[in-house]
Amino acid sequence: MARITGLNTKTIRFYEEAGVLPPPARTHTGHRDYGPEVADRLQFIRRCQAAGLSLREVRQILAVHDGGEAPCGHVRRVLNERLDQVRAQIAELTALEAHLETLTAHAERGAPEGDAGHDSASVCWILETEPTAP
């Protein structure tokens, strides 16, 4: 299965332990014996992860499928939630970017007038003084 899917055996075993891949049948010598449907399931898991879904979310989707129902409505809701999370993260990162740009510009302008820099700061004047307009 590792050769067919391009995944290593540790990853496949991890998916078994995580509950997104059912335990396979075993040969008489104890080796895992995967059916052809496992390759499709592994591809689906990889696509879910590429969309940023957690293994918990993948497990929920697969549970709906394994229960005989079409999970597409559930998938749509999960993807919308994930998109909302990504948009919120982007907004937070954009705000952080602006703040960091302000701080680096503040640092480039140098210590405030009459300030000897580190001598009057408890740790670092860049973070301890308010940035001034250019």
Protein backbone atom coordinates (compact mmCIF):
# COMPACT_ATOMS: atom_id res chain seq x y z
CA MET A 1 0.00 0.00 0.00
CA ALA A 2 2.89 2.33 0.73
CA ARG A 3 4.20 1.84 -2.81
CA ILE A 4 0.79 2.37 -4.38
CA THR A 5 -0.02 5.55 -2.46
CA GLY A 6 3.43 7.08 -2.06
CA LEU A 7 2.94 7.23 1.70
CA ASN A 8 5.37 5.63 4.08
CA THR A 9 4.30 2.77 6.30
CA LYS A 10 4.54 4.87 9.46
CA THR A 11 2.00 7.31 8.05
CA ILE A 12 -0.38 4.51 7.14
CA ARG A 13 -0.06 3.00 10.62
CA PHE A 14 -0.58 6.46 12.13
CA TYR A 15 -3.84 6.80 10.19
CA GLU A 16 -4.93 3.43 11.55
CA GLU A 17 -4.17 4.56 15.11
CA ALA A 18 -5.94 7.89 14.51
CA GLY A 19 -9.08 6.04 13.46
CA VAL A 20 -9.32 7.33 9.89
CA LEU A 21 -8.20 4.04 8.40
CA PRO A 22 -9.83 0.82 9.59
CA PRO A 23 -7.54 -1.93 10.84
CA PRO A 24 -6.65 -4.14 7.89
CA ALA A 25 -7.04 -7.86 7.61
CA ARG A 26 -3.92 -9.84 8.43
CA THR A 27 -2.20 -12.53 6.47
CA HIS A 28 -1.45 -15.85 8.14
CA THR A 29 2.05 -14.45 8.87
CA GLY A 30 0.63 -11.33 10.52
CA HIS A 31 1.32 -8.83 7.74
CA ARG A 32 -1.26 -6.15 7.00
CA ASP A 33 -3.42 -7.00 4.00
CA TYR A 34 -5.08 -3.91 2.57
CA GLY A 35 -7.88 -4.05 0.06
CA PRO A 36 -7.86 -1.81 -3.04
CA GLU A 37 -10.40 0.57 -1.47
CA VAL A 38 -7.79 1.64 1.08
CA ALA A 39 -5.79 3.49 -1.59
CA ASP A 40 -8.87 5.61 -2.42
CA ARG A 41 -9.47 6.28 1.27
CA LEU A 42 -5.84 7.32 1.76
CA GLN A 43 -6.09 9.67 -1.21
CA PHE A 44 -9.26 11.16 0.30
CA ILE A 45 -7.49 11.66 3.65
CA ARG A 46 -4.60 13.42 1.92
CA ARG A 47 -7.02 15.72 0.08
CA CYS A 48 -8.75 16.55 3.34
CA GLN A 49 -5.45 17.44 4.95
CA ALA A 50 -4.48 19.53 1.92
CA ALA A 51 -7.70 21.50 2.55
CA GLY A 52 -6.51 22.13 6.10
CA LEU A 53 -8.87 19.73 7.83
CA SER A 54 -7.85 18.09 11.07
CA LEU A 55 -7.84 14.34 11.53
CA ARG A 56 -10.81 14.78 13.88
CA GLU A 57 -12.75 16.42 11.05
CA VAL A 58 -11.63 13.73 8.59
CA ARG A 59 -12.72 11.05 11.06
CA GLN A 60 -16.18 12.68 11.34
CA ILE A 61 -16.58 12.86 7.56
CA LEU A 62 -15.52 9.24 7.15
CA ALA A 63 -17.86 8.15 9.96
CA VAL A 64 -20.79 9.68 8.08
CA HIS A 65 -19.65 7.93 4.90
CA ASP A 66 -19.02 4.63 6.67
CA GLY A 67 -22.51 4.89 8.16
CA GLY A 68 -23.92 4.70 4.65
CA GLU A 69 -24.77 8.38 4.23
CA ALA A 70 -23.40 10.90 1.74
CA PRO A 71 -21.18 13.27 3.75
CA CYS A 72 -21.14 16.11 1.22
CA GLY A 73 -23.45 18.38 3.25
CA HIS A 74 -21.25 17.84 6.30
CA VAL A 75 -18.13 18.44 4.19
CA ARG A 76 -19.60 21.72 2.92
CA ARG A 77 -20.20 22.91 6.51
CA VAL A 78 -16.71 21.85 7.63
CA LEU A 79 -15.09 23.60 4.67
CA ASN A 80 -17.06 26.80 5.34
CA GLU A 81 -15.97 26.72 8.99
CA ARG A 82 -12.36 26.16 7.94
CA LEU A 83 -12.57 29.04 5.46
CA ASP A 84 -13.90 31.32 8.21
CA GLN A 85 -10.99 30.26 10.45
CA VAL A 86 -8.46 30.94 7.70
CA ARG A 87 -9.95 34.38 7.01
CA ALA A 88 -9.77 35.22 10.72
CA GLN A 89 -6.13 34.08 10.82
CA ILE A 90 -5.36 36.22 7.78
CA ALA A 91 -6.94 39.26 9.47
CA GLU A 92 -4.90 38.62 12.62
CA LEU A 93 -1.70 38.20 10.61
CA THR A 94 -2.41 41.37 8.63
CA ALA A 95 -2.84 43.32 11.88
CA LEU A 96 0.36 41.77 13.25
CA GLU A 97 2.21 42.65 10.05
CA ALA A 98 1.16 46.30 10.37
CA HIS A 99 2.20 46.36 14.02
CA LEU A 100 5.60 44.85 13.24
CA GLU A 101 6.14 47.33 10.41
CA THR A 102 5.39 50.16 12.84
CA LEU A 103 7.82 48.77 15.40
CA THR A 104 10.62 48.23 12.89
CA ALA A 105 10.15 51.78 11.55
CA HIS A 106 10.24 53.00 15.15
CA ALA A 107 13.50 51.11 15.69
CA GLU A 108 14.98 52.53 12.49
CA ARG A 109 14.27 56.10 13.62
CA GLY A 110 16.36 55.43 16.72
CA ALA A 111 15.94 56.04 20.43
CA PRO A 112 13.79 59.01 21.49
CA GLU A 113 15.47 62.42 21.96
CA GLY A 114 17.55 62.60 25.11
CA ASP A 115 17.25 58.86 25.59
CA ALA A 116 20.45 56.90 25.77
CA GLY A 117 18.62 53.85 24.44
CA HIS A 118 19.06 50.83 26.60
CA ASP A 119 20.25 52.83 29.61
CA SER A 120 16.75 54.15 30.36
CA ALA A 121 14.78 51.07 29.28
CA SER A 122 14.04 48.18 31.56
CA VAL A 123 14.65 45.76 28.66
CA CYS A 124 14.45 47.43 25.21
CA TRP A 125 13.29 50.94 24.32
CA ILE A 126 11.85 49.77 20.99
CA LEU A 127 9.08 47.86 22.71
CA GLU A 128 8.81 50.10 25.76
CA THR A 129 8.18 53.42 24.03
CA GLU A 130 5.27 54.38 21.86
CA PRO A 131 6.14 54.54 18.18
CA THR A 132 6.05 58.08 16.87
CA ALA A 133 4.80 59.17 13.49
CA PRO A 134 7.56 59.49 10.86
